[in-house]
């Protein structure tokens, strides 16, 4: 019971850390990019990952966690996939309208459900699917303002959806199948993610902004915000792997849309962003969908735990039977079989 309570506290802590750090970094980056004009998002992400790796390396040297040897090919491919995923999401934002980009993010949940159903034989009940539908409708109403389609943008969005879903599913499955912690997996994969973005980030940013990140004039205020953003990113990256490992990719995406609602709210409160009745209605519907998802997941989890406890007690009872009882039970079964056979012969 104590162990179960500890797991629940750990999950809640991971969720809270993920929400708090993600909302903080969005507000920080919004001030950095909108107010200070530093619009090199992909390059900034590569710096986030480098700082994350350096921080974890220091923590590992100080014995806060131990490294675990895993298949390097798996880690390298996983790191490259996540790096490519981030680059594609940023390209998708550059080639599409804000509304279509939001649609891309919303499509990640149903596609993740589809992939897990087809390839991992995971079952999602109709109630869970219904709650996810309500959530997506709410977030769509709150965040989607326009839909402008173009061929290149659509292709990039499709690739971003696929790579993001596969990357998040692998984050969960690798931790469980290789028996590694979220910290160990992030520590080993972060350098490869950072390397991909460090090479291609400046190219992507130059293509999108028509400016060179290395020719930008860095004031002390900009440097301060970049450092703050990198420090918050350590918590964001750590909590992302932690949440996906402890829950599931779908739950992480649901949490991501909660962050979207919170960012809209904090943006209105702190940055005086425009806030309409549509935003209020959409956020209300989204919160209702999140509440239903949480309730149904909790109910199904309790039901599953009860079934496992029941099956475990039955197996334990069976194992505790004396040998004589088992023999007598077998004898009675044979005797019944012979009686049935005799009755059948007499009918013939």
C-alpha atoms as a PDB file:
ATOM      1  CA  UNK A   1       0.000   0.000   0.000  1.00  0.00           C
ATOM      2  CA  UNK A   2       2.821   2.390   0.908  1.00  0.00           C
ATOM      3  CA  UNK A   3       4.637   1.608  -2.336  1.00  0.00           C
ATOM      4  CA  UNK A   4       1.465   2.291  -4.358  1.00  0.00           C
ATOM      5  CA  UNK A   5       0.966   5.605  -2.545  1.00  0.00           C
ATOM      6  CA  UNK A   6       4.576   6.528  -3.267  1.00  0.00           C
ATOM      7  CA  UNK A   7       4.083   5.809  -6.985  1.00  0.00           C
ATOM      8  CA  UNK A   8       0.973   8.008  -7.077  1.00  0.00           C
ATOM      9  CA  UNK A   9       2.812  10.863  -5.356  1.00  0.00           C
ATOM     10  CA  UNK A  10       5.654  10.460  -7.855  1.00  0.00           C
ATOM     11  CA  UNK A  11       3.241  10.678 -10.817  1.00  0.00           C
ATOM     12  CA  UNK A  12       1.516  13.776  -9.399  1.00  0.00           C
ATOM     13  CA  UNK A  13       4.898  15.394  -8.735  1.00  0.00           C
ATOM     14  CA  UNK A  14       6.053  14.655 -12.294  1.00  0.00           C
ATOM     15  CA  UNK A  15       2.841  16.111 -13.752  1.00  0.00           C
ATOM     16  CA  UNK A  16       3.116  19.256 -11.630  1.00  0.00           C
ATOM     17  CA  UNK A  17       6.786  19.742 -12.525  1.00  0.00           C
ATOM     18  CA  UNK A  18       5.995  19.311 -16.225  1.00  0.00           C
ATOM     19  CA  UNK A  19       3.145  21.848 -16.168  1.00  0.00           C
ATOM     20  CA  UNK A  20       5.001  24.442 -14.082  1.00  0.00           C
ATOM     21  CA  UNK A  21       8.242  24.260 -16.083  1.00  0.00           C
ATOM     22  CA  UNK A  22       6.524  24.186 -19.490  1.00  0.00           C
ATOM     23  CA  UNK A  23       4.320  27.202 -18.764  1.00  0.00           C
ATOM     24  CA  UNK A  24       7.345  29.058 -17.379  1.00  0.00           C
ATOM     25  CA  UNK A  25       9.491  28.392 -20.437  1.00  0.00           C
ATOM     26  CA  UNK A  26       6.711  29.407 -22.843  1.00  0.00           C
ATOM     27  CA  UNK A  27       6.306  32.751 -21.061  1.00  0.00           C
ATOM     28  CA  UNK A  28      10.095  33.218 -20.945  1.00  0.00           C
ATOM     29  CA  UNK A  29      10.547  32.377 -24.651  1.00  0.00           C
ATOM     30  CA  UNK A  30       7.597  34.544 -25.626  1.00  0.00           C
ATOM     31  CA  UNK A  31       9.241  37.523 -23.937  1.00  0.00           C
ATOM     32  CA  UNK A  32      12.562  36.609 -25.574  1.00  0.00           C
ATOM     33  CA  UNK A  33      11.162  36.229 -29.098  1.00  0.00           C
ATOM     34  CA  UNK A  34       8.285  38.700 -29.181  1.00  0.00           C
ATOM     35  CA  UNK A  35       9.673  41.524 -27.056  1.00  0.00           C
ATOM     36  CA  UNK A  36      13.418  41.177 -27.651  1.00  0.00           C
ATOM     37  CA  UNK A  37      13.350  39.936 -31.253  1.00  0.00           C
ATOM     38  CA  UNK A  38      15.333  36.709 -30.749  1.00  0.00           C
ATOM     39  CA  UNK A  39      13.352  34.410 -33.083  1.00  0.00           C
ATOM     40  CA  UNK A  40      15.824  31.531 -33.510  1.00  0.00           C
ATOM     41  CA  UNK A  41      13.680  28.830 -31.888  1.00  0.00           C
ATOM     42  CA  UNK A  42      15.385  25.721 -33.309  1.00  0.00           C
ATOM     43  CA  UNK A  43      18.887  26.882 -32.394  1.00  0.00           C
ATOM     44  CA  UNK A  44      17.651  27.836 -28.929  1.00  0.00           C
ATOM     45  CA  UNK A  45      16.303  24.285 -28.508  1.00  0.00           C
ATOM     46  CA  UNK A  46      19.749  22.853 -29.325  1.00  0.00           C
ATOM     47  CA  UNK A  47      21.197  25.022 -26.542  1.00  0.00           C
ATOM     48  CA  UNK A  48      18.466  23.768 -24.209  1.00  0.00           C
ATOM     49  CA  UNK A  49      19.519  20.176 -24.856  1.00  0.00           C
ATOM     50  CA  UNK A  50      23.227  20.930 -24.476  1.00  0.00           C
ATOM     51  CA  UNK A  51      22.649  22.564 -21.085  1.00  0.00           C
ATOM     52  CA  UNK A  52      20.400  19.637 -20.108  1.00  0.00           C
ATOM     53  CA  UNK A  53      23.158  17.146 -20.954  1.00  0.00           C
ATOM     54  CA  UNK A  54      25.815  19.162 -19.087  1.00  0.00           C
ATOM     55  CA  UNK A  55      23.558  19.408 -16.029  1.00  0.00           C
ATOM     56  CA  UNK A  56      22.838  15.675 -16.038  1.00  0.00           C
ATOM     57  CA  UNK A  57      26.523  14.907 -16.578  1.00  0.00           C
ATOM     58  CA  UNK A  58      27.366  16.946 -13.471  1.00  0.00           C
ATOM     59  CA  UNK A  59      24.591  15.176 -11.536  1.00  0.00           C
ATOM     60  CA  UNK A  60      25.961  11.819 -12.670  1.00  0.00           C
ATOM     61  CA  UNK A  61      29.497  12.743 -11.567  1.00  0.00           C
ATOM     62  CA  UNK A  62      28.102  13.772  -8.182  1.00  0.00           C
ATOM     63  CA  UNK A  63      26.455  10.307  -7.917  1.00  0.00           C
ATOM     64  CA  UNK A  64      22.853  11.568  -8.014  1.00  0.00           C
ATOM     65  CA  UNK A  65      22.132   8.742 -10.468  1.00  0.00           C
ATOM     66  CA  UNK A  66      24.048   5.921 -12.113  1.00  0.00           C
ATOM     67  CA  UNK A  67      24.415   5.381 -15.833  1.00  0.00           C
ATOM     68  CA  UNK A  68      23.229   2.107 -17.292  1.00  0.00           C
ATOM     69  CA  UNK A  69      24.679   0.498 -20.381  1.00  0.00           C
ATOM     70  CA  UNK A  70      22.091   0.163 -23.133  1.00  0.00           C
ATOM     71  CA  UNK A  71      22.194  -0.562 -26.832  1.00  0.00           C
ATOM     72  CA  UNK A  72      23.908   2.525 -28.276  1.00  0.00           C
ATOM     73  CA  UNK A  73      22.326   2.028 -31.678  1.00  0.00           C
ATOM     74  CA  UNK A  74      18.885   2.345 -30.091  1.00  0.00           C
ATOM     75  CA  UNK A  75      19.882   5.475 -28.150  1.00  0.00           C
ATOM     76  CA  UNK A  76      21.495   7.144 -31.190  1.00  0.00           C
ATOM     77  CA  UNK A  77      18.500   6.498 -33.450  1.00  0.00           C
ATOM     78  CA  UNK A  78      16.148   7.610 -30.694  1.00  0.00           C
ATOM     79  CA  UNK A  79      18.092  10.844 -30.165  1.00  0.00           C
ATOM     80  CA  UNK A  80      18.240  11.602 -33.899  1.00  0.00           C
ATOM     81  CA  UNK A  81      14.511  10.915 -34.267  1.00  0.00           C
ATOM     82  CA  UNK A  82      13.633  13.341 -31.463  1.00  0.00           C
ATOM     83  CA  UNK A  83      15.943  15.992 -32.901  1.00  0.00           C
ATOM     84  CA  UNK A  84      14.372  15.652 -36.351  1.00  0.00           C
ATOM     85  CA  UNK A  85      10.910  15.793 -34.767  1.00  0.00           C
ATOM     86  CA  UNK A  86      11.634  19.162 -33.129  1.00  0.00           C
ATOM     87  CA  UNK A  87      13.033  20.551 -36.374  1.00  0.00           C
ATOM     88  CA  UNK A  88       9.974  19.404 -38.352  1.00  0.00           C
ATOM     89  CA  UNK A  89       7.575  20.960 -35.823  1.00  0.00           C
ATOM     90  CA  UNK A  90       9.381  24.301 -36.149  1.00  0.00           C
ATOM     91  CA  UNK A  91       9.380  24.040 -39.946  1.00  0.00           C
ATOM     92  CA  UNK A  92       5.679  23.217 -39.834  1.00  0.00           C
ATOM     93  CA  UNK A  93       5.072  26.406 -37.871  1.00  0.00           C
ATOM     94  CA  UNK A  94       7.097  28.363 -40.411  1.00  0.00           C
ATOM     95  CA  UNK A  95       5.263  27.032 -43.472  1.00  0.00           C
ATOM     96  CA  UNK A  96       1.736  27.001 -42.022  1.00  0.00           C
ATOM     97  CA  UNK A  97      -0.635  29.394 -40.356  1.00  0.00           C
ATOM     98  CA  UNK A  98      -0.894  29.357 -36.567  1.00  0.00           C
ATOM     99  CA  UNK A  99      -4.300  27.668 -36.832  1.00  0.00           C
ATOM    100  CA  UNK A 100      -3.003  24.821 -39.007  1.00  0.00           C
ATOM    101  CA  UNK A 101      -0.013  24.367 -36.688  1.00  0.00           C
ATOM    102  CA  UNK A 102      -2.423  24.006 -33.762  1.00  0.00           C
ATOM    103  CA  UNK A 103      -4.332  21.407 -35.793  1.00  0.00           C
ATOM    104  CA  UNK A 104      -1.032  19.552 -36.244  1.00  0.00           C
ATOM    105  CA  UNK A 105      -0.518  19.457 -32.475  1.00  0.00           C
ATOM    106  CA  UNK A 106      -4.098  18.291 -31.919  1.00  0.00           C
ATOM    107  CA  UNK A 107      -3.642  15.471 -34.448  1.00  0.00           C
ATOM    108  CA  UNK A 108      -0.827  13.968 -32.362  1.00  0.00           C
ATOM    109  CA  UNK A 109      -3.264  12.461 -29.816  1.00  0.00           C
ATOM    110  CA  UNK A 110      -5.517  10.481 -32.221  1.00  0.00           C
ATOM    111  CA  UNK A 111      -2.486   9.344 -34.232  1.00  0.00           C
ATOM    112  CA  UNK A 112      -0.746   8.159 -31.052  1.00  0.00           C
ATOM    113  CA  UNK A 113      -3.889   6.241 -30.074  1.00  0.00           C
ATOM    114  CA  UNK A 114      -3.955   4.671 -33.556  1.00  0.00           C
ATOM    115  CA  UNK A 115      -0.283   3.623 -33.445  1.00  0.00           C
ATOM    116  CA  UNK A 116      -0.514   2.154 -29.943  1.00  0.00           C
ATOM    117  CA  UNK A 117      -3.667   0.252 -30.893  1.00  0.00           C
ATOM    118  CA  UNK A 118      -2.194  -1.178 -34.111  1.00  0.00           C
ATOM    119  CA  UNK A 119       1.379  -1.934 -33.036  1.00  0.00           C
ATOM    120  CA  UNK A 120       1.316  -2.254 -29.235  1.00  0.00           C
ATOM    121  CA  UNK A 121      -2.133  -3.903 -28.904  1.00  0.00           C
ATOM    122  CA  UNK A 122      -3.167  -1.245 -26.400  1.00  0.00           C
ATOM    123  CA  UNK A 123      -6.886  -0.885 -25.707  1.00  0.00           C
ATOM    124  CA  UNK A 124      -8.584   2.497 -25.331  1.00  0.00           C
ATOM    125  CA  UNK A 125     -12.144   2.285 -24.021  1.00  0.00           C
ATOM    126  CA  UNK A 126     -14.971   4.271 -25.684  1.00  0.00           C
ATOM    127  CA  UNK A 127     -15.135   6.496 -22.575  1.00  0.00           C
ATOM    128  CA  UNK A 128     -11.448   7.390 -22.872  1.00  0.00           C
ATOM    129  CA  UNK A 129     -11.858   8.145 -26.578  1.00  0.00           C
ATOM    130  CA  UNK A 130     -14.914  10.292 -25.855  1.00  0.00           C
ATOM    131  CA  UNK A 131     -13.050  12.327 -23.209  1.00  0.00           C
ATOM    132  CA  UNK A 132     -10.143  12.856 -25.633  1.00  0.00           C
ATOM    133  CA  UNK A 133     -12.589  14.013 -28.292  1.00  0.00           C
ATOM    134  CA  UNK A 134     -14.105  16.583 -25.894  1.00  0.00           C
ATOM    135  CA  UNK A 135     -10.599  17.765 -24.981  1.00  0.00           C
ATOM    136  CA  UNK A 136      -9.551  18.221 -28.616  1.00  0.00           C
ATOM    137  CA  UNK A 137     -12.743  20.090 -29.478  1.00  0.00           C
ATOM    138  CA  UNK A 138     -12.175  22.478 -26.562  1.00  0.00           C
ATOM    139  CA  UNK A 139      -8.520  23.151 -27.384  1.00  0.00           C
ATOM    140  CA  UNK A 140      -9.457  23.598 -31.048  1.00  0.00           C
ATOM    141  CA  UNK A 141     -12.082  26.210 -30.193  1.00  0.00           C
ATOM    142  CA  UNK A 142      -9.680  28.035 -27.859  1.00  0.00           C
ATOM    143  CA  UNK A 143      -6.577  28.079 -30.059  1.00  0.00           C
ATOM    144  CA  UNK A 144      -7.477  27.651 -33.747  1.00  0.00           C
ATOM    145  CA  UNK A 145      -8.273  30.938 -35.464  1.00  0.00           C
ATOM    146  CA  UNK A 146      -7.572  30.221 -39.127  1.00  0.00           C
ATOM    147  CA  UNK A 147      -6.781  27.327 -41.437  1.00  0.00           C
ATOM    148  CA  UNK A 148      -4.605  28.063 -44.454  1.00  0.00           C
ATOM    149  CA  UNK A 149      -3.424  24.978 -46.313  1.00  0.00           C
ATOM    150  CA  UNK A 150      -0.447  24.537 -48.631  1.00  0.00           C
ATOM    151  CA  UNK A 151       1.215  21.406 -49.981  1.00  0.00           C
ATOM    152  CA  UNK A 152       4.694  21.834 -48.444  1.00  0.00           C
ATOM    153  CA  UNK A 153       3.266  22.838 -45.066  1.00  0.00           C
ATOM    154  CA  UNK A 154       0.888  19.866 -45.054  1.00  0.00           C
ATOM    155  CA  UNK A 155       3.704  17.399 -45.842  1.00  0.00           C
ATOM    156  CA  UNK A 156       5.909  18.889 -43.115  1.00  0.00           C
ATOM    157  CA  UNK A 157       3.030  18.723 -40.631  1.00  0.00           C
ATOM    158  CA  UNK A 158       2.366  15.068 -41.484  1.00  0.00           C
ATOM    159  CA  UNK A 159       6.060  14.200 -40.989  1.00  0.00           C
ATOM    160  CA  UNK A 160       6.119  16.168 -37.717  1.00  0.00           C
ATOM    161  CA  UNK A 161       3.078  14.252 -36.426  1.00  0.00           C
ATOM    162  CA  UNK A 162       4.575  10.854 -37.303  1.00  0.00           C
ATOM    163  CA  UNK A 163       8.033  11.538 -35.841  1.00  0.00           C
ATOM    164  CA  UNK A 164       6.618  13.146 -32.684  1.00  0.00           C
ATOM    165  CA  UNK A 165       4.229  10.263 -32.010  1.00  0.00           C
ATOM    166  CA  UNK A 166       6.858   7.590 -32.648  1.00  0.00           C
ATOM    167  CA  UNK A 167       9.406   9.464 -30.516  1.00  0.00           C
ATOM    168  CA  UNK A 168       7.041   9.762 -27.553  1.00  0.00           C
ATOM    169  CA  UNK A 169       5.921   6.135 -27.809  1.00  0.00           C
ATOM    170  CA  UNK A 170       9.582   5.048 -27.879  1.00  0.00           C
ATOM    171  CA  UNK A 171      10.296   7.232 -24.837  1.00  0.00           C
ATOM    172  CA  UNK A 172       7.812   5.116 -22.927  1.00  0.00           C
ATOM    173  CA  UNK A 173       8.642   1.696 -24.394  1.00  0.00           C
ATOM    174  CA  UNK A 174      12.442   2.056 -24.203  1.00  0.00           C
ATOM    175  CA  UNK A 175      12.283   2.930 -20.506  1.00  0.00           C
ATOM    176  CA  UNK A 176      10.136  -0.116 -19.764  1.00  0.00           C
ATOM    177  CA  UNK A 177      11.733  -2.684 -22.064  1.00  0.00           C
ATOM    178  CA  UNK A 178      15.354  -1.753 -21.325  1.00  0.00           C
ATOM    179  CA  UNK A 179      14.571  -1.069 -17.650  1.00  0.00           C
ATOM    180  CA  UNK A 180      16.175   2.373 -17.651  1.00  0.00           C
ATOM    181  CA  UNK A 181      14.985   5.454 -15.780  1.00  0.00           C
ATOM    182  CA  UNK A 182      13.859   8.668 -17.466  1.00  0.00           C
ATOM    183  CA  UNK A 183      17.060  10.355 -16.242  1.00  0.00           C
ATOM    184  CA  UNK A 184      19.296   7.641 -17.731  1.00  0.00           C
ATOM    185  CA  UNK A 185      17.537   7.725 -21.112  1.00  0.00           C
ATOM    186  CA  UNK A 186      17.583  11.534 -21.313  1.00  0.00           C
ATOM    187  CA  UNK A 187      21.254  11.661 -20.287  1.00  0.00           C
ATOM    188  CA  UNK A 188      22.297   9.222 -23.010  1.00  0.00           C
ATOM    189  CA  UNK A 189      20.086  10.581 -25.803  1.00  0.00           C
ATOM    190  CA  UNK A 190      20.386  14.347 -25.186  1.00  0.00           C
ATOM    191  CA  UNK A 191      23.801  14.731 -26.914  1.00  0.00           C
ATOM    192  CA  UNK A 192      22.471  13.236 -30.149  1.00  0.00           C
ATOM    193  CA  UNK A 193      19.321  15.379 -30.066  1.00  0.00           C
ATOM    194  CA  UNK A 194      21.453  18.456 -29.427  1.00  0.00           C
ATOM    195  CA  UNK A 195      23.894  17.535 -32.216  1.00  0.00           C
ATOM    196  CA  UNK A 196      21.125  17.229 -34.810  1.00  0.00           C
ATOM    197  CA  UNK A 197      19.598  20.565 -33.823  1.00  0.00           C
ATOM    198  CA  UNK A 198      22.965  22.305 -33.480  1.00  0.00           C
ATOM    199  CA  UNK A 199      23.823  21.379 -37.090  1.00  0.00           C
ATOM    200  CA  UNK A 200      20.441  21.980 -38.693  1.00  0.00           C
ATOM    201  CA  UNK A 201      19.000  24.551 -36.252  1.00  0.00           C
ATOM    202  CA  UNK A 202      20.795  27.630 -37.650  1.00  0.00           C
ATOM    203  CA  UNK A 203      19.872  26.549 -41.205  1.00  0.00           C
ATOM    204  CA  UNK A 204      16.216  26.086 -40.301  1.00  0.00           C
ATOM    205  CA  UNK A 205      16.115  29.401 -38.428  1.00  0.00           C
ATOM    206  CA  UNK A 206      17.811  31.268 -41.285  1.00  0.00           C
ATOM    207  CA  UNK A 207      15.337  29.779 -43.744  1.00  0.00           C
ATOM    208  CA  UNK A 208      12.382  30.828 -41.578  1.00  0.00           C
ATOM    209  CA  UNK A 209      13.577  34.227 -40.341  1.00  0.00           C
ATOM    210  CA  UNK A 210      15.956  35.254 -43.166  1.00  0.00           C
ATOM    211  CA  UNK A 211      18.474  36.113 -40.445  1.00  0.00           C
ATOM    212  CA  UNK A 212      21.681  34.519 -39.141  1.00  0.00           C
ATOM    213  CA  UNK A 213      21.660  33.525 -35.481  1.00  0.00           C
ATOM    214  CA  UNK A 214      25.419  34.104 -35.214  1.00  0.00           C
ATOM    215  CA  UNK A 215      25.103  37.649 -36.648  1.00  0.00           C
ATOM    216  CA  UNK A 216      22.523  38.643 -34.058  1.00  0.00           C
ATOM    217  CA  UNK A 217      23.500  41.392 -31.588  1.00  0.00           C
ATOM    218  CA  UNK A 218      23.325  39.831 -28.142  1.00  0.00           C
ATOM    219  CA  UNK A 219      22.553  42.347 -25.406  1.00  0.00           C
ATOM    220  CA  UNK A 220      22.953  41.500 -21.728  1.00  0.00           C
ATOM    221  CA  UNK A 221      19.152  41.274 -21.360  1.00  0.00           C
ATOM    222  CA  UNK A 222      18.885  38.798 -24.255  1.00  0.00           C
ATOM    223  CA  UNK A 223      21.734  36.675 -22.858  1.00  0.00           C
ATOM    224  CA  UNK A 224      20.060  36.696 -19.454  1.00  0.00           C
ATOM    225  CA  UNK A 225      16.763  35.470 -20.907  1.00  0.00           C
ATOM    226  CA  UNK A 226      18.580  32.791 -22.950  1.00  0.00           C
ATOM    227  CA  UNK A 227      20.329  31.517 -19.807  1.00  0.00           C
ATOM    228  CA  UNK A 228      17.029  31.514 -17.912  1.00  0.00           C
ATOM    229  CA  UNK A 229      15.330  29.677 -20.785  1.00  0.00           C
ATOM    230  CA  UNK A 230      18.096  27.022 -20.835  1.00  0.00           C
ATOM    231  CA  UNK A 231      17.870  26.495 -17.073  1.00  0.00           C
ATOM    232  CA  UNK A 232      14.087  26.069 -17.206  1.00  0.00           C
ATOM    233  CA  UNK A 233      14.527  23.711 -20.180  1.00  0.00           C
ATOM    234  CA  UNK A 234      16.489  21.289 -17.972  1.00  0.00           C
ATOM    235  CA  UNK A 235      13.349  20.856 -15.872  1.00  0.00           C
ATOM    236  CA  UNK A 236      11.133  20.685 -18.985  1.00  0.00           C
ATOM    237  CA  UNK A 237      13.195  17.939 -20.646  1.00  0.00           C
ATOM    238  CA  UNK A 238      13.573  15.966 -17.428  1.00  0.00           C
ATOM    239  CA  UNK A 239       9.847  16.155 -16.589  1.00  0.00           C
ATOM    240  CA  UNK A 240       8.860  15.224 -20.164  1.00  0.00           C
ATOM    241  CA  UNK A 241      10.759  11.919 -20.020  1.00  0.00           C
ATOM    242  CA  UNK A 242       9.574  11.380 -16.444  1.00  0.00           C
ATOM    243  CA  UNK A 243       5.877  11.900 -17.254  1.00  0.00           C
ATOM    244  CA  UNK A 244       5.908   9.732 -20.397  1.00  0.00           C
ATOM    245  CA  UNK A 245       7.779   6.994 -18.528  1.00  0.00           C
ATOM    246  CA  UNK A 246       5.414   7.011 -15.534  1.00  0.00           C
ATOM    247  CA  UNK A 247       2.160   7.435 -17.494  1.00  0.00           C
ATOM    248  CA  UNK A 248       1.805   7.203 -21.276  1.00  0.00           C
ATOM    249  CA  UNK A 249       2.359   9.265 -24.448  1.00  0.00           C
ATOM    250  CA  UNK A 250      -1.375  10.021 -24.650  1.00  0.00           C
ATOM    251  CA  UNK A 251      -1.477  11.296 -21.056  1.00  0.00           C
ATOM    252  CA  UNK A 252       1.542  13.475 -21.804  1.00  0.00           C
ATOM    253  CA  UNK A 253      -0.270  14.983 -24.793  1.00  0.00           C
ATOM    254  CA  UNK A 254      -3.351  15.630 -22.653  1.00  0.00           C
ATOM    255  CA  UNK A 255      -1.055  17.393 -20.199  1.00  0.00           C
ATOM    256  CA  UNK A 256       0.377  19.378 -23.101  1.00  0.00           C
ATOM    257  CA  UNK A 257      -3.054  20.751 -23.946  1.00  0.00           C
ATOM    258  CA  UNK A 258      -3.549  21.679 -20.301  1.00  0.00           C
ATOM    259  CA  UNK A 259      -0.365  23.714 -20.662  1.00  0.00           C
ATOM    260  CA  UNK A 260      -1.838  25.391 -23.751  1.00  0.00           C
ATOM    261  CA  UNK A 261      -4.887  26.465 -21.747  1.00  0.00           C
ATOM    262  CA  UNK A 262      -2.695  27.718 -18.904  1.00  0.00           C
ATOM    263  CA  UNK A 263      -0.435  29.616 -21.308  1.00  0.00           C
ATOM    264  CA  UNK A 264      -3.485  31.350 -22.794  1.00  0.00           C
ATOM    265  CA  UNK A 265      -4.634  32.273 -19.296  1.00  0.00           C
ATOM    266  CA  UNK A 266      -1.216  33.460 -18.084  1.00  0.00           C
ATOM    267  CA  UNK A 267      -0.656  35.292 -21.370  1.00  0.00           C
ATOM    268  CA  UNK A 268      -3.814  37.283 -20.739  1.00  0.00           C
ATOM    269  CA  UNK A 269      -2.969  37.898 -17.068  1.00  0.00           C
ATOM    270  CA  UNK A 270       0.751  38.658 -17.285  1.00  0.00           C
ATOM    271  CA  UNK A 271       1.365  39.757 -20.877  1.00  0.00           C
ATOM    272  CA  UNK A 272      -2.066  41.288 -21.565  1.00  0.00           C
ATOM    273  CA  UNK A 273      -2.688  39.130 -24.641  1.00  0.00           C
ATOM    274  CA  UNK A 274      -6.176  39.399 -26.178  1.00  0.00           C
ATOM    275  CA  UNK A 275      -8.689  37.035 -24.590  1.00  0.00           C
ATOM    276  CA  UNK A 276     -12.143  36.478 -26.106  1.00  0.00           C
ATOM    277  CA  UNK A 277     -15.329  34.628 -25.200  1.00  0.00           C
ATOM    278  CA  UNK A 278     -14.240  31.952 -27.657  1.00  0.00           C
ATOM    279  CA  UNK A 279     -11.075  31.362 -25.627  1.00  0.00           C
ATOM    280  CA  UNK A 280     -13.106  31.070 -22.425  1.00  0.00           C
ATOM    281  CA  UNK A 281     -15.600  28.606 -23.975  1.00  0.00           C
ATOM    282  CA  UNK A 282     -12.837  26.520 -25.555  1.00  0.00           C
ATOM    283  CA  UNK A 283     -10.774  26.334 -22.376  1.00  0.00           C
ATOM    284  CA  UNK A 284     -13.877  25.385 -20.350  1.00  0.00           C
ATOM    285  CA  UNK A 285     -14.691  22.518 -22.753  1.00  0.00           C
ATOM    286  CA  UNK A 286     -11.028  21.414 -22.773  1.00  0.00           C
ATOM    287  CA  UNK A 287     -10.855  21.374 -18.975  1.00  0.00           C
ATOM    288  CA  UNK A 288     -14.047  19.294 -18.895  1.00  0.00           C
ATOM    289  CA  UNK A 289     -12.456  16.829 -21.346  1.00  0.00           C
ATOM    290  CA  UNK A 290      -9.305  16.637 -19.192  1.00  0.00           C
ATOM    291  CA  UNK A 291     -11.425  16.027 -16.105  1.00  0.00           C
ATOM    292  CA  UNK A 292     -13.316  13.202 -17.831  1.00  0.00           C
ATOM    293  CA  UNK A 293     -10.055  11.686 -19.097  1.00  0.00           C
ATOM    294  CA  UNK A 294      -8.544  11.790 -15.605  1.00  0.00           C
ATOM    295  CA  UNK A 295     -11.709  10.310 -14.045  1.00  0.00           C
ATOM    296  CA  UNK A 296     -12.052   7.463 -16.559  1.00  0.00           C
ATOM    297  CA  UNK A 297      -8.326   6.637 -16.397  1.00  0.00           C
ATOM    298  CA  UNK A 298      -8.454   6.536 -12.595  1.00  0.00           C
ATOM    299  CA  UNK A 299     -11.560   4.341 -12.648  1.00  0.00           C
ATOM    300  CA  UNK A 300     -10.089   1.904 -15.167  1.00  0.00           C
ATOM    301  CA  UNK A 301      -6.790   1.806 -13.276  1.00  0.00           C
ATOM    302  CA  UNK A 302      -8.584   0.889 -10.031  1.00  0.00           C
ATOM    303  CA  UNK A 303     -10.596  -1.765 -11.852  1.00  0.00           C
ATOM    304  CA  UNK A 304      -7.429  -3.243 -13.334  1.00  0.00           C
ATOM    305  CA  UNK A 305      -5.676  -3.216  -9.954  1.00  0.00           C
ATOM    306  CA  UNK A 306      -8.648  -4.970  -8.309  1.00  0.00           C
ATOM    307  CA  UNK A 307      -8.627  -7.632 -11.024  1.00  0.00           C
ATOM    308  CA  UNK A 308      -4.882  -8.202 -10.586  1.00  0.00           C
ATOM    309  CA  UNK A 309      -5.258  -8.479  -6.800  1.00  0.00           C
ATOM    310  CA  UNK A 310      -8.144 -10.926  -7.237  1.00  0.00           C
ATOM    311  CA  UNK A 311      -6.175 -13.066  -9.694  1.00  0.00           C
ATOM    312  CA  UNK A 312      -3.152 -12.967  -7.413  1.00  0.00           C
ATOM    313  CA  UNK A 313      -5.164 -14.136  -4.403  1.00  0.00           C
ATOM    314  CA  UNK A 314      -6.686 -16.991  -6.433  1.00  0.00           C
ATOM    315  CA  UNK A 315      -3.247 -18.165  -7.534  1.00  0.00           C
ATOM    316  CA  UNK A 316      -1.989 -17.884  -3.956  1.00  0.00           C
ATOM    317  CA  UNK A 317      -4.950 -19.913  -2.642  1.00  0.00           C
ATOM    318  CA  UNK A 318      -4.359 -22.576  -5.255  1.00  0.00           C
ATOM    319  CA  UNK A 319      -0.668 -22.781  -4.404  1.00  0.00           C
ATOM    320  CA  UNK A 320      -1.470 -23.086  -0.693  1.00  0.00           C
ATOM    321  CA  UNK A 321      -3.669 -26.177  -1.164  1.00  0.00           C
ATOM    322  CA  UNK A 322      -2.173 -29.366   0.364  1.00  0.00           C
ATOM    323  CA  UNK A 323      -0.937 -32.027  -2.013  1.00  0.00           C
ATOM    324  CA  UNK A 324      -3.629 -34.478  -0.838  1.00  0.00           C
ATOM    325  CA  UNK A 325      -6.365 -31.986  -1.772  1.00  0.00           C
ATOM    326  CA  UNK A 326      -4.918 -31.596  -5.252  1.00  0.00           C
ATOM    327  CA  UNK A 327      -4.726 -35.372  -5.667  1.00  0.00           C
ATOM    328  CA  UNK A 328      -8.290 -35.830  -4.409  1.00  0.00           C
ATOM    329  CA  UNK A 329      -9.491 -33.121  -6.771  1.00  0.00           C
ATOM    330  CA  UNK A 330      -7.776 -34.904  -9.656  1.00  0.00           C
ATOM    331  CA  UNK A 331      -9.273 -38.251  -8.577  1.00  0.00           C
ATOM    332  CA  UNK A 332     -12.765 -36.732  -8.400  1.00  0.00           C
ATOM    333  CA  UNK A 333     -12.350 -35.241 -11.861  1.00  0.00           C
ATOM    334  CA  UNK A 334     -11.327 -38.631 -13.263  1.00  0.00           C
ATOM    335  CA  UNK A 335     -14.202 -40.344 -11.455  1.00  0.00           C
ATOM    336  CA  UNK A 336     -16.704 -37.867 -12.881  1.00  0.00           C
ATOM    337  CA  UNK A 337     -15.241 -38.402 -16.333  1.00  0.00           C
ATOM    338  CA  UNK A 338     -15.660 -42.173 -16.043  1.00  0.00           C
ATOM    339  CA  UNK A 339     -19.264 -41.771 -14.854  1.00  0.00           C
ATOM    340  CA  UNK A 340     -20.062 -39.560 -17.858  1.00  0.00           C
ATOM    341  CA  UNK A 341     -18.417 -42.068 -20.155  1.00  0.00           C
ATOM    342  CA  UNK A 342     -20.416 -44.934 -18.640  1.00  0.00           C
ATOM    343  CA  UNK A 343     -23.685 -43.036 -19.007  1.00  0.00           C
ATOM    344  CA  UNK A 344     -22.883 -42.332 -22.648  1.00  0.00           C
ATOM    345  CA  UNK A 345     -22.103 -46.036 -23.288  1.00  0.00           C
ATOM    346  CA  UNK A 346     -25.385 -47.107 -21.679  1.00  0.00           C
ATOM    347  CA  UNK A 347     -27.316 -44.753 -23.960  1.00  0.00           C
ATOM    348  CA  UNK A 348     -25.684 -46.344 -26.957  1.00  0.00           C
END
